[in-house]
Amino acid sequence: MTPTTLNIIGLVSNILGTIILAFSLSGYISSLRLAVDAHELFIISLNHPTKPIVQVTGTNVHMNRDKKKSTIFSWFGVLFIVLGFVFQLLSYLI
């Protein structure tokens, strides 16, 4: 393989790894936002005595599920980024 080919493979691997990381972490961040919004709604309903108290449950189930998915895909993203670095390093050393 030529150094140019190895460099291109490394760049594509880096881009793929960052895309995987971005999408895997976006799911977990959206579930965190859901939990924060639910707790904010609960606090707002406690501060208004004329309104009924709204309590949201089950946010931990969504957070745990998204955390497991993001952990697995994050490792794949990091693996692609490390492989991209190795390919670029090889292209420099050849």
C-alpha atoms as a PDB file:
ATOM      1  CA  MET A   1       0.000   0.000   0.000  1.00  0.00           C
ATOM      2  CA  THR A   2       1.171   3.481  -0.762  1.00  0.00           C
ATOM      3  CA  PRO A   3       1.435   6.158   1.921  1.00  0.00           C
ATOM      4  CA  THR A   4      -1.315   8.147   0.226  1.00  0.00           C
ATOM      5  CA  THR A   5      -3.695   5.184   0.399  1.00  0.00           C
ATOM      6  CA  LEU A   6      -2.910   4.599   4.064  1.00  0.00           C
ATOM      7  CA  ASN A   7      -3.433   8.278   4.796  1.00  0.00           C
ATOM      8  CA  ILE A   8      -6.831   8.278   3.062  1.00  0.00           C
ATOM      9  CA  ILE A   9      -7.877   5.122   4.925  1.00  0.00           C
ATOM     10  CA  GLY A  10      -6.842   6.803   8.187  1.00  0.00           C
ATOM     11  CA  LEU A  11      -8.794   9.964   7.408  1.00  0.00           C
ATOM     12  CA  VAL A  12     -11.938   8.030   6.463  1.00  0.00           C
ATOM     13  CA  SER A  13     -11.618   5.953   9.632  1.00  0.00           C
ATOM     14  CA  ASN A  14     -11.300   9.114  11.743  1.00  0.00           C
ATOM     15  CA  ILE A  15     -14.360  10.684  10.140  1.00  0.00           C
ATOM     16  CA  LEU A  16     -16.374   7.493  10.602  1.00  0.00           C
ATOM     17  CA  GLY A  17     -15.304   7.272  14.249  1.00  0.00           C
ATOM     18  CA  THR A  18     -16.319  10.847  15.005  1.00  0.00           C
ATOM     19  CA  ILE A  19     -19.704  10.357  13.345  1.00  0.00           C
ATOM     20  CA  ILE A  20     -20.312   7.203  15.396  1.00  0.00           C
ATOM     21  CA  LEU A  21     -19.334   9.054  18.581  1.00  0.00           C
ATOM     22  CA  ALA A  22     -21.575  11.996  17.787  1.00  0.00           C
ATOM     23  CA  PHE A  23     -24.660   9.881  17.113  1.00  0.00           C
ATOM     24  CA  SER A  24     -24.127   7.557  20.076  1.00  0.00           C
ATOM     25  CA  LEU A  25     -23.721  10.390  22.538  1.00  0.00           C
ATOM     26  CA  SER A  26     -26.630  12.387  21.114  1.00  0.00           C
ATOM     27  CA  GLY A  27     -29.067   9.658  22.190  1.00  0.00           C
ATOM     28  CA  TYR A  28     -27.752   9.707  25.751  1.00  0.00           C
ATOM     29  CA  ILE A  29     -27.789  13.500  25.897  1.00  0.00           C
ATOM     30  CA  SER A  30     -31.403  13.592  24.722  1.00  0.00           C
ATOM     31  CA  SER A  31     -32.415  11.162  27.483  1.00  0.00           C
ATOM     32  CA  LEU A  32     -30.601  13.352  30.013  1.00  0.00           C
ATOM     33  CA  ARG A  33     -32.537  16.355  28.729  1.00  0.00           C
ATOM     34  CA  LEU A  34     -35.769  14.359  29.141  1.00  0.00           C
ATOM     35  CA  ALA A  35     -34.909  13.626  32.776  1.00  0.00           C
ATOM     36  CA  VAL A  36     -33.992  17.241  33.514  1.00  0.00           C
ATOM     37  CA  ASP A  37     -37.222  18.483  31.914  1.00  0.00           C
ATOM     38  CA  ALA A  38     -39.258  16.008  33.953  1.00  0.00           C
ATOM     39  CA  HIS A  39     -37.639  17.107  37.204  1.00  0.00           C
ATOM     40  CA  GLU A  40     -38.108  20.752  36.256  1.00  0.00           C
ATOM     41  CA  LEU A  41     -41.798  20.104  35.610  1.00  0.00           C
ATOM     42  CA  PHE A  42     -42.092  18.467  39.025  1.00  0.00           C
ATOM     43  CA  ILE A  43     -40.408  21.417  40.761  1.00  0.00           C
ATOM     44  CA  ILE A  44     -42.603  23.924  38.918  1.00  0.00           C
ATOM     45  CA  SER A  45     -45.742  22.026  39.898  1.00  0.00           C
ATOM     46  CA  LEU A  46     -44.651  22.015  43.564  1.00  0.00           C
ATOM     47  CA  ASN A  47     -44.170  25.777  43.590  1.00  0.00           C
ATOM     48  CA  HIS A  48     -47.716  26.501  42.409  1.00  0.00           C
ATOM     49  CA  PRO A  49     -50.175  25.393  45.104  1.00  0.00           C
ATOM     50  CA  THR A  50     -53.217  25.927  42.886  1.00  0.00           C
ATOM     51  CA  LYS A  51     -52.005  23.601  40.152  1.00  0.00           C
ATOM     52  CA  PRO A  52     -51.973  19.811  40.532  1.00  0.00           C
ATOM     53  CA  ILE A  53     -48.657  18.137  41.333  1.00  0.00           C
ATOM     54  CA  VAL A  54     -47.166  16.503  38.243  1.00  0.00           C
ATOM     55  CA  GLN A  55     -44.791  13.652  38.878  1.00  0.00           C
ATOM     56  CA  VAL A  56     -42.964  11.918  36.043  1.00  0.00           C
ATOM     57  CA  THR A  57     -41.527   8.447  36.626  1.00  0.00           C
ATOM     58  CA  GLY A  58     -39.540   6.078  34.457  1.00  0.00           C
ATOM     59  CA  THR A  59     -36.869   8.448  33.226  1.00  0.00           C
ATOM     60  CA  ASN A  60     -34.164   6.233  34.724  1.00  0.00           C
ATOM     61  CA  VAL A  61     -35.260   3.375  32.442  1.00  0.00           C
ATOM     62  CA  HIS A  62     -34.700   5.521  29.354  1.00  0.00           C
ATOM     63  CA  MET A  63     -31.407   6.831  30.681  1.00  0.00           C
ATOM     64  CA  ASN A  64     -30.053   3.356  31.497  1.00  0.00           C
ATOM     65  CA  ARG A  65     -31.037   1.996  28.079  1.00  0.00           C
ATOM     66  CA  ASP A  66     -29.456   4.916  26.226  1.00  0.00           C
ATOM     67  CA  LYS A  67     -26.361   4.756  28.429  1.00  0.00           C
ATOM     68  CA  LYS A  68     -25.786   1.097  27.517  1.00  0.00           C
ATOM     69  CA  LYS A  69     -26.245   1.814  23.816  1.00  0.00           C
ATOM     70  CA  SER A  70     -23.993   4.853  23.899  1.00  0.00           C
ATOM     71  CA  THR A  71     -21.262   2.981  25.777  1.00  0.00           C
ATOM     72  CA  ILE A  72     -21.093   0.221  23.166  1.00  0.00           C
ATOM     73  CA  PHE A  73     -21.139   2.568  20.184  1.00  0.00           C
ATOM     74  CA  SER A  74     -18.694   4.957  21.852  1.00  0.00           C
ATOM     75  CA  TRP A  75     -16.129   2.175  22.084  1.00  0.00           C
ATOM     76  CA  PHE A  76     -16.582   1.473  18.371  1.00  0.00           C
ATOM     77  CA  GLY A  77     -16.112   5.168  17.612  1.00  0.00           C
ATOM     78  CA  VAL A  78     -12.953   5.365  19.709  1.00  0.00           C
ATOM     79  CA  LEU A  79     -11.659   2.187  18.042  1.00  0.00           C
ATOM     80  CA  PHE A  80     -12.148   3.723  14.584  1.00  0.00           C
ATOM     81  CA  ILE A  81     -10.383   6.915  15.671  1.00  0.00           C
ATOM     82  CA  VAL A  82      -7.412   4.959  17.055  1.00  0.00           C
ATOM     83  CA  LEU A  83      -7.227   2.852  13.880  1.00  0.00           C
ATOM     84  CA  GLY A  84      -7.293   6.029  11.809  1.00  0.00           C
ATOM     85  CA  PHE A  85      -4.408   7.408  13.834  1.00  0.00           C
ATOM     86  CA  VAL A  86      -2.455   4.171  13.341  1.00  0.00           C
ATOM     87  CA  PHE A  87      -3.034   4.242   9.564  1.00  0.00           C
ATOM     88  CA  GLN A  88      -1.911   7.862   9.370  1.00  0.00           C
ATOM     89  CA  LEU A  89       1.148   7.089  11.462  1.00  0.00           C
ATOM     90  CA  LEU A  90       1.994   4.168   9.166  1.00  0.00           C
ATOM     91  CA  SER A  91       1.627   6.372   6.110  1.00  0.00           C
ATOM     92  CA  TYR A  92       4.113   8.805   7.634  1.00  0.00           C
ATOM     93  CA  LEU A  93       6.600   6.095   8.588  1.00  0.00           C
ATOM     94  CA  ILE A  94       6.609   4.383   5.164  1.00  0.00           C
END
